All heavy atoms as atom14 arrays in JSON, in Angstrom:
{
  "sequence": "NGSTHNASAALLLVYGDPSLDPRRVAAFDGNIDLFNTL",
  "atom14_mask": [
    [1, 1, 1, 1, 1, 1, 1, 1, 0, 0, 0, 0, 0, 0],
    [1, 1, 1, 1, 0, 0, 0, 0, 0, 0, 0, 0, 0, 0],
    [1, 1, 1, 1, 1, 1, 0, 0, 0, 0, 0, 0, 0, 0],
    [1, 1, 1, 1, 1, 1, 1, 0, 0, 0, 0, 0, 0, 0],
    [1, 1, 1, 1, 1, 1, 1, 1, 1, 1, 0, 0, 0, 0],
    [1, 1, 1, 1, 1, 1, 1, 1, 0, 0, 0, 0, 0, 0],
    [1, 1, 1, 1, 1, 0, 0, 0, 0, 0, 0, 0, 0, 0],
    [1, 1, 1, 1, 1, 1, 0, 0, 0, 0, 0, 0, 0, 0],
    [1, 1, 1, 1, 1, 0, 0, 0, 0, 0, 0, 0, 0, 0],
    [1, 1, 1, 1, 1, 0, 0, 0, 0, 0, 0, 0, 0, 0],
    [1, 1, 1, 1, 1, 1, 1, 1, 0, 0, 0, 0, 0, 0],
    [1, 1, 1, 1, 1, 1, 1, 1, 0, 0, 0, 0, 0, 0],
    [1, 1, 1, 1, 1, 1, 1, 1, 0, 0, 0, 0, 0, 0],
    [1, 1, 1, 1, 1, 1, 1, 0, 0, 0, 0, 0, 0, 0],
    [1, 1, 1, 1, 1, 1, 1, 1, 1, 1, 1, 1, 0, 0],
    [1, 1, 1, 1, 0, 0, 0, 0, 0, 0, 0, 0, 0, 0],
    [1, 1, 1, 1, 1, 1, 1, 1, 0, 0, 0, 0, 0, 0],
    [1, 1, 1, 1, 1, 1, 1, 0, 0, 0, 0, 0, 0, 0],
    [1, 1, 1, 1, 1, 1, 0, 0, 0, 0, 0, 0, 0, 0],
    [1, 1, 1, 1, 1, 1, 1, 1, 0, 0, 0, 0, 0, 0],
    [1, 1, 1, 1, 1, 1, 1, 1, 0, 0, 0, 0, 0, 0],
    [1, 1, 1, 1, 1, 1, 1, 0, 0, 0, 0, 0, 0, 0],
    [1, 1, 1, 1, 1, 1, 1, 1, 1, 1, 1, 0, 0, 0],
    [1, 1, 1, 1, 1, 1, 1, 1, 1, 1, 1, 0, 0, 0],
    [1, 1, 1, 1, 1, 1, 1, 0, 0, 0, 0, 0, 0, 0],
    [1, 1, 1, 1, 1, 0, 0, 0, 0, 0, 0, 0, 0, 0],
    [1, 1, 1, 1, 1, 0, 0, 0, 0, 0, 0, 0, 0, 0],
    [1, 1, 1, 1, 1, 1, 1, 1, 1, 1, 1, 0, 0, 0],
    [1, 1, 1, 1, 1, 1, 1, 1, 0, 0, 0, 0, 0, 0],
    [1, 1, 1, 1, 0, 0, 0, 0, 0, 0, 0, 0, 0, 0],
    [1, 1, 1, 1, 1, 1, 1, 1, 0, 0, 0, 0, 0, 0],
    [1, 1, 1, 1, 1, 1, 1, 1, 0, 0, 0, 0, 0, 0],
    [1, 1, 1, 1, 1, 1, 1, 1, 0, 0, 0, 0, 0, 0],
    [1, 1, 1, 1, 1, 1, 1, 1, 0, 0, 0, 0, 0, 0],
    [1, 1, 1, 1, 1, 1, 1, 1, 1, 1, 1, 0, 0, 0],
    [1, 1, 1, 1, 1, 1, 1, 1, 0, 0, 0, 0, 0, 0],
    [1, 1, 1, 1, 1, 1, 1, 0, 0, 0, 0, 0, 0, 0],
    [1, 1, 1, 1, 1, 1, 1, 1, 0, 0, 0, 0, 0, 0]
  ],
  "atom14_positions": [
    [[123.38, 127.77, 102.71], [123.64, 127.67, 101.28], [124.77, 126.68, 100.98], [125.36, 126.72, 99.9], [123.98, 129.05, 100.68], [123.56, 129.17, 99.24], [122.56, 128.61, 98.8], [124.36, 129.88, 98.46], [0.0, 0.0, 0.0], [0.0, 0.0, 0.0], [0.0, 0.0, 0.0], [0.0, 0.0, 0.0], [0.0, 0.0, 0.0], [0.0, 0.0, 0.0]],
    [[125.05, 125.79, 101.9], [126.05, 124.76, 101.66], [125.5, 123.62, 100.83], [124.29, 123.34, 100.84], [0.0, 0.0, 0.0], [0.0, 0.0, 0.0], [0.0, 0.0, 0.0], [0.0, 0.0, 0.0], [0.0, 0.0, 0.0], [0.0, 0.0, 0.0], [0.0, 0.0, 0.0], [0.0, 0.0, 0.0], [0.0, 0.0, 0.0], [0.0, 0.0, 0.0]],
    [[126.38, 122.92, 100.13], [125.94, 121.88, 99.21], [125.29, 120.7, 99.89], [124.53, 119.95, 99.27], [127.1, 121.41, 98.35], [128.13, 120.85, 99.16], [0.0, 0.0, 0.0], [0.0, 0.0, 0.0], [0.0, 0.0, 0.0], [0.0, 0.0, 0.0], [0.0, 0.0, 0.0], [0.0, 0.0, 0.0], [0.0, 0.0, 0.0], [0.0, 0.0, 0.0]],
    [[125.59, 120.47, 101.17], [124.99, 119.35, 101.91], [124.11, 119.81, 103.06], [123.69, 118.97, 103.88], [126.09, 118.43, 102.47], [126.99, 119.2, 103.28], [126.87, 117.79, 101.34], [0.0, 0.0, 0.0], [0.0, 0.0, 0.0], [0.0, 0.0, 0.0], [0.0, 0.0, 0.0], [0.0, 0.0, 0.0], [0.0, 0.0, 0.0], [0.0, 0.0, 0.0]],
    [[123.81, 121.08, 103.14], [122.95, 121.56, 104.22], [121.51, 121.1, 104.0], [121.04, 121.03, 102.86], [122.99, 123.09, 104.3], [124.3, 123.64, 104.74], [124.55, 124.99, 104.86], [125.46, 123.0, 105.08], [125.79, 125.17, 105.27], [126.38, 123.98, 105.41], [0.0, 0.0, 0.0], [0.0, 0.0, 0.0], [0.0, 0.0, 0.0], [0.0, 0.0, 0.0]],
    [[120.85, 120.74, 105.08], [119.46, 120.27, 104.97], [118.78, 120.41, 106.33], [119.43, 120.46, 107.37], [119.42, 118.81, 104.49], [120.06, 117.85, 105.47], [119.4, 117.31, 106.36], [121.37, 117.63, 105.34], [0.0, 0.0, 0.0], [0.0, 0.0, 0.0], [0.0, 0.0, 0.0], [0.0, 0.0, 0.0], [0.0, 0.0, 0.0], [0.0, 0.0, 0.0]],
    [[117.46, 120.45, 106.29], [116.63, 120.49, 107.51], [115.23, 120.06, 107.15], [114.66, 120.56, 106.16], [116.62, 121.9, 108.14], [0.0, 0.0, 0.0], [0.0, 0.0, 0.0], [0.0, 0.0, 0.0], [0.0, 0.0, 0.0], [0.0, 0.0, 0.0], [0.0, 0.0, 0.0], [0.0, 0.0, 0.0], [0.0, 0.0, 0.0], [0.0, 0.0, 0.0]],
    [[114.67, 119.13, 107.92], [113.33, 118.63, 107.61], [112.68, 118.03, 108.84], [113.35, 117.78, 109.84], [113.4, 117.59, 106.47], [114.23, 116.51, 106.85], [0.0, 0.0, 0.0], [0.0, 0.0, 0.0], [0.0, 0.0, 0.0], [0.0, 0.0, 0.0], [0.0, 0.0, 0.0], [0.0, 0.0, 0.0], [0.0, 0.0, 0.0], [0.0, 0.0, 0.0]],
    [[111.39, 117.83, 108.74], [110.61, 117.21, 109.8], [109.68, 116.17, 109.2], [109.35, 116.23, 108.02], [109.81, 118.25, 110.56], [0.0, 0.0, 0.0], [0.0, 0.0, 0.0], [0.0, 0.0, 0.0], [0.0, 0.0, 0.0], [0.0, 0.0, 0.0], [0.0, 0.0, 0.0], [0.0, 0.0, 0.0], [0.0, 0.0, 0.0], [0.0, 0.0, 0.0]],
    [[109.29, 115.21, 110.04], [108.36, 114.16, 109.58], [107.41, 113.79, 110.73], [107.77, 113.92, 111.9], [109.11, 112.93, 109.1], [0.0, 0.0, 0.0], [0.0, 0.0, 0.0], [0.0, 0.0, 0.0], [0.0, 0.0, 0.0], [0.0, 0.0, 0.0], [0.0, 0.0, 0.0], [0.0, 0.0, 0.0], [0.0, 0.0, 0.0], [0.0, 0.0, 0.0]],
    [[106.24, 113.36, 110.35], [105.2, 112.97, 111.32], [104.76, 111.55, 111.04], [104.41, 111.22, 109.9], [104.02, 113.91, 111.21], [102.8, 113.59, 112.09], [103.1, 113.82, 113.56], [101.58, 114.42, 111.66], [0.0, 0.0, 0.0], [0.0, 0.0, 0.0], [0.0, 0.0, 0.0], [0.0, 0.0, 0.0], [0.0, 0.0, 0.0], [0.0, 0.0, 0.0]],
    [[104.79, 110.7, 112.02], [104.28, 109.33, 111.95], [103.01, 109.21, 112.78], [103.01, 109.56, 113.95], [105.32, 108.33, 112.45], [104.8, 106.93, 112.8], [104.33, 106.2, 111.55], [105.9, 106.12, 113.51], [0.0, 0.0, 0.0], [0.0, 0.0, 0.0], [0.0, 0.0, 0.0], [0.0, 0.0, 0.0], [0.0, 0.0, 0.0], [0.0, 0.0, 0.0]],
    [[101.94, 108.74, 112.17], [100.68, 108.47, 112.88], [100.34, 106.99, 112.71], [100.32, 106.48, 111.59], [99.56, 109.33, 112.31], [99.67, 110.84, 112.47], [98.57, 111.54, 111.67], [99.63, 111.25, 113.92], [0.0, 0.0, 0.0], [0.0, 0.0, 0.0], [0.0, 0.0, 0.0], [0.0, 0.0, 0.0], [0.0, 0.0, 0.0], [0.0, 0.0, 0.0]],
    [[100.11, 106.33, 113.82], [99.6, 104.96, 113.81], [98.16, 105.01, 114.32], [97.88, 105.66, 115.33], [100.46, 104.03, 114.69], [99.9, 102.6, 114.65], [101.92, 104.05, 114.26], [0.0, 0.0, 0.0], [0.0, 0.0, 0.0], [0.0, 0.0, 0.0], [0.0, 0.0, 0.0], [0.0, 0.0, 0.0], [0.0, 0.0, 0.0], [0.0, 0.0, 0.0]],
    [[97.27, 104.35, 113.59], [95.85, 104.45, 113.94], [95.2, 103.07, 113.89], [95.73, 102.14, 113.23], [95.13, 105.42, 113.0], [95.32, 105.13, 111.52], [94.45, 104.27, 110.84], [96.36, 105.71, 110.82], [94.63, 104.0, 109.5], [96.57, 105.43, 109.47], [95.67, 104.59, 108.82], [95.86, 104.32, 107.48], [0.0, 0.0, 0.0], [0.0, 0.0, 0.0]],
    [[94.08, 102.93, 114.59], [93.37, 101.66, 114.62], [91.92, 101.83, 114.29], [91.31, 102.84, 114.63], [0.0, 0.0, 0.0], [0.0, 0.0, 0.0], [0.0, 0.0, 0.0], [0.0, 0.0, 0.0], [0.0, 0.0, 0.0], [0.0, 0.0, 0.0], [0.0, 0.0, 0.0], [0.0, 0.0, 0.0], [0.0, 0.0, 0.0], [0.0, 0.0, 0.0]],
    [[91.37, 100.81, 113.64], [89.93, 100.84, 113.27], [89.49, 99.42, 112.98], [90.22, 98.63, 112.4], [89.72, 101.73, 112.04], [88.25, 101.98, 111.8], [87.67, 102.87, 112.49], [87.66, 101.32, 110.92], [0.0, 0.0, 0.0], [0.0, 0.0, 0.0], [0.0, 0.0, 0.0], [0.0, 0.0, 0.0], [0.0, 0.0, 0.0], [0.0, 0.0, 0.0]],
    [[88.23, 99.05, 113.38], [87.73, 97.68, 113.12], [87.68, 97.32, 111.65], [87.66, 96.14, 111.32], [86.32, 97.71, 113.74], [86.37, 98.79, 114.78], [87.29, 99.83, 114.23], [0.0, 0.0, 0.0], [0.0, 0.0, 0.0], [0.0, 0.0, 0.0], [0.0, 0.0, 0.0], [0.0, 0.0, 0.0], [0.0, 0.0, 0.0], [0.0, 0.0, 0.0]],
    [[87.65, 98.31, 110.78], [87.57, 98.01, 109.34], [88.91, 97.59, 108.75], [88.96, 97.07, 107.62], [87.11, 99.26, 108.59], [88.06, 100.31, 108.69], [0.0, 0.0, 0.0], [0.0, 0.0, 0.0], [0.0, 0.0, 0.0], [0.0, 0.0, 0.0], [0.0, 0.0, 0.0], [0.0, 0.0, 0.0], [0.0, 0.0, 0.0], [0.0, 0.0, 0.0]],
    [[89.99, 97.72, 109.5], [91.31, 97.39, 108.98], [91.61, 95.89, 109.16], [91.08, 95.25, 110.06], [92.36, 98.21, 109.72], [92.27, 99.71, 109.58], [93.24, 100.4, 110.52], [92.54, 100.15, 108.14], [0.0, 0.0, 0.0], [0.0, 0.0, 0.0], [0.0, 0.0, 0.0], [0.0, 0.0, 0.0], [0.0, 0.0, 0.0], [0.0, 0.0, 0.0]],
    [[92.48, 95.37, 108.3], [92.94, 93.99, 108.46], [93.89, 93.88, 109.65], [94.61, 94.81, 109.95], [93.67, 93.54, 107.17], [92.74, 93.41, 105.98], [91.54, 93.13, 106.2], [93.24, 93.6, 104.86], [0.0, 0.0, 0.0], [0.0, 0.0, 0.0], [0.0, 0.0, 0.0], [0.0, 0.0, 0.0], [0.0, 0.0, 0.0], [0.0, 0.0, 0.0]],
    [[93.92, 92.73, 110.3], [94.9, 92.53, 111.37], [96.33, 92.58, 110.81], [96.61, 91.98, 109.75], [94.58, 91.14, 111.9], [93.18, 90.86, 111.44], [93.04, 91.57, 110.13], [0.0, 0.0, 0.0], [0.0, 0.0, 0.0], [0.0, 0.0, 0.0], [0.0, 0.0, 0.0], [0.0, 0.0, 0.0], [0.0, 0.0, 0.0], [0.0, 0.0, 0.0]],
    [[97.17, 93.27, 111.5], [98.57, 93.37, 111.04], [99.46, 93.86, 112.18], [98.97, 94.27, 113.24], [98.73, 94.3, 109.84], [98.33, 95.75, 110.12], [98.7, 96.64, 108.93], [98.12, 96.19, 107.69], [96.91, 96.55, 107.24], [96.15, 97.35, 107.95], [96.48, 96.09, 106.08], [0.0, 0.0, 0.0], [0.0, 0.0, 0.0], [0.0, 0.0, 0.0]],
    [[100.73, 93.82, 111.95], [101.72, 94.38, 112.86], [102.45, 95.5, 112.14], [102.98, 95.31, 111.05], [102.73, 93.32, 113.31], [103.8, 93.81, 114.27], [104.67, 92.65, 114.7], [105.66, 93.05, 115.71], [106.91, 93.44, 115.41], [107.3, 93.46, 114.14], [107.74, 93.76, 116.37], [0.0, 0.0, 0.0], [0.0, 0.0, 0.0], [0.0, 0.0, 0.0]],
    [[102.47, 96.68, 112.7], [103.2, 97.82, 112.15], [104.46, 97.99, 112.99], [104.39, 98.09, 114.22], [102.34, 99.1, 112.2], [103.19, 100.31, 111.79], [101.14, 98.98, 111.28], [0.0, 0.0, 0.0], [0.0, 0.0, 0.0], [0.0, 0.0, 0.0], [0.0, 0.0, 0.0], [0.0, 0.0, 0.0], [0.0, 0.0, 0.0], [0.0, 0.0, 0.0]],
    [[105.6, 97.99, 112.34], [106.89, 98.15, 113.03], [107.6, 99.39, 112.5], [107.67, 99.59, 111.29], [107.75, 96.91, 112.85], [0.0, 0.0, 0.0], [0.0, 0.0, 0.0], [0.0, 0.0, 0.0], [0.0, 0.0, 0.0], [0.0, 0.0, 0.0], [0.0, 0.0, 0.0], [0.0, 0.0, 0.0], [0.0, 0.0, 0.0], [0.0, 0.0, 0.0]],
    [[108.14, 100.19, 113.41], [108.85, 101.43, 113.02], [110.34, 101.24, 113.25], [110.78, 100.84, 114.34], [108.35, 102.62, 113.83], [0.0, 0.0, 0.0], [0.0, 0.0, 0.0], [0.0, 0.0, 0.0], [0.0, 0.0, 0.0], [0.0, 0.0, 0.0], [0.0, 0.0, 0.0], [0.0, 0.0, 0.0], [0.0, 0.0, 0.0], [0.0, 0.0, 0.0]],
    [[111.12, 101.52, 112.22], [112.58, 101.48, 112.3], [113.13, 102.85, 111.96], [112.58, 103.55, 111.08], [113.14, 100.47, 111.26], [112.85, 99.04, 111.55], [111.56, 98.54, 111.34], [113.82, 98.17, 111.99], [111.27, 97.21, 111.58], [113.54, 96.84, 112.23], [112.26, 96.35, 112.03], [0.0, 0.0, 0.0], [0.0, 0.0, 0.0], [0.0, 0.0, 0.0]],
    [[114.19, 103.27, 112.63], [114.85, 104.51, 112.22], [116.32, 104.46, 112.57], [116.81, 103.56, 113.24], [114.15, 105.76, 112.8], [114.2, 105.84, 114.31], [115.18, 105.39, 114.91], [113.25, 106.38, 114.9], [0.0, 0.0, 0.0], [0.0, 0.0, 0.0], [0.0, 0.0, 0.0], [0.0, 0.0, 0.0], [0.0, 0.0, 0.0], [0.0, 0.0, 0.0]],
    [[117.05, 105.46, 112.09], [118.47, 105.56, 112.33], [119.03, 106.77, 111.6], [118.28, 107.61, 111.12], [0.0, 0.0, 0.0], [0.0, 0.0, 0.0], [0.0, 0.0, 0.0], [0.0, 0.0, 0.0], [0.0, 0.0, 0.0], [0.0, 0.0, 0.0], [0.0, 0.0, 0.0], [0.0, 0.0, 0.0], [0.0, 0.0, 0.0], [0.0, 0.0, 0.0]],
    [[120.34, 106.85, 111.53], [121.0, 108.02, 110.92], [122.25, 107.52, 110.2], [123.21, 107.1, 110.83], [121.36, 109.04, 111.99], [121.91, 110.34, 111.44], [122.09, 110.48, 110.24], [122.16, 111.27, 112.32], [0.0, 0.0, 0.0], [0.0, 0.0, 0.0], [0.0, 0.0, 0.0], [0.0, 0.0, 0.0], [0.0, 0.0, 0.0], [0.0, 0.0, 0.0]],
    [[122.23, 107.58, 108.85], [123.28, 106.97, 108.05], [123.8, 107.98, 107.05], [123.02, 108.65, 106.36], [122.76, 105.73, 107.32], [122.23, 104.69, 108.31], [123.86, 105.11, 106.45], [121.57, 103.52, 107.63], [0.0, 0.0, 0.0], [0.0, 0.0, 0.0], [0.0, 0.0, 0.0], [0.0, 0.0, 0.0], [0.0, 0.0, 0.0], [0.0, 0.0, 0.0]],
    [[125.13, 108.11, 106.93], [125.76, 108.85, 105.86], [126.12, 107.92, 104.74], [126.61, 106.83, 104.96], [127.07, 109.5, 106.35], [126.83, 110.65, 107.31], [125.73, 111.19, 107.32], [127.77, 110.97, 108.07], [0.0, 0.0, 0.0], [0.0, 0.0, 0.0], [0.0, 0.0, 0.0], [0.0, 0.0, 0.0], [0.0, 0.0, 0.0], [0.0, 0.0, 0.0]],
    [[125.88, 108.35, 103.48], [126.21, 107.52, 102.33], [126.93, 108.36, 101.29], [126.53, 109.5, 101.01], [124.93, 106.94, 101.71], [124.1, 105.99, 102.56], [122.8, 105.64, 101.85], [124.89, 104.73, 102.9], [0.0, 0.0, 0.0], [0.0, 0.0, 0.0], [0.0, 0.0, 0.0], [0.0, 0.0, 0.0], [0.0, 0.0, 0.0], [0.0, 0.0, 0.0]],
    [[128.0, 107.8, 100.72], [128.66, 108.4, 99.58], [129.24, 107.3, 98.71], [130.2, 106.65, 99.07], [129.8, 109.35, 100.03], [130.56, 109.95, 98.87], [129.96, 110.92, 98.09], [131.82, 109.52, 98.58], [130.66, 111.48, 97.01], [132.53, 110.06, 97.5], [131.93, 111.04, 96.73], [0.0, 0.0, 0.0], [0.0, 0.0, 0.0], [0.0, 0.0, 0.0]],
    [[128.6, 107.09, 97.57], [129.03, 106.05, 96.63], [129.19, 104.7, 97.31], [130.13, 103.94, 97.01], [130.34, 106.45, 95.93], [130.16, 107.61, 95.01], [129.08, 107.87, 94.53], [131.26, 108.32, 94.73], [0.0, 0.0, 0.0], [0.0, 0.0, 0.0], [0.0, 0.0, 0.0], [0.0, 0.0, 0.0], [0.0, 0.0, 0.0], [0.0, 0.0, 0.0]],
    [[128.3, 104.42, 98.24], [128.36, 103.15, 98.96], [126.97, 102.56, 99.08], [125.95, 103.24, 98.87], [128.94, 103.35, 100.39], [128.16, 104.31, 101.08], [130.37, 103.81, 100.33], [0.0, 0.0, 0.0], [0.0, 0.0, 0.0], [0.0, 0.0, 0.0], [0.0, 0.0, 0.0], [0.0, 0.0, 0.0], [0.0, 0.0, 0.0], [0.0, 0.0, 0.0]],
    [[126.92, 101.3, 99.42], [125.66, 100.6, 99.64], [125.58, 100.18, 101.09], [126.52, 99.58, 101.64], [125.57, 99.37, 98.75], [124.34, 98.46, 98.94], [123.07, 99.2, 98.55], [124.51, 97.19, 98.14], [0.0, 0.0, 0.0], [0.0, 0.0, 0.0], [0.0, 0.0, 0.0], [0.0, 0.0, 0.0], [0.0, 0.0, 0.0], [0.0, 0.0, 0.0]]
  ]
}
């Protein structure tokens, strides 16, 4: 019940099929704290 408490999950699926256009999919991630900043 804290004001900044949080918990979550996410799922990334990359898939291929002949019907799709050629492309490059790139995955980026990290862990950043922000407070009134850019």
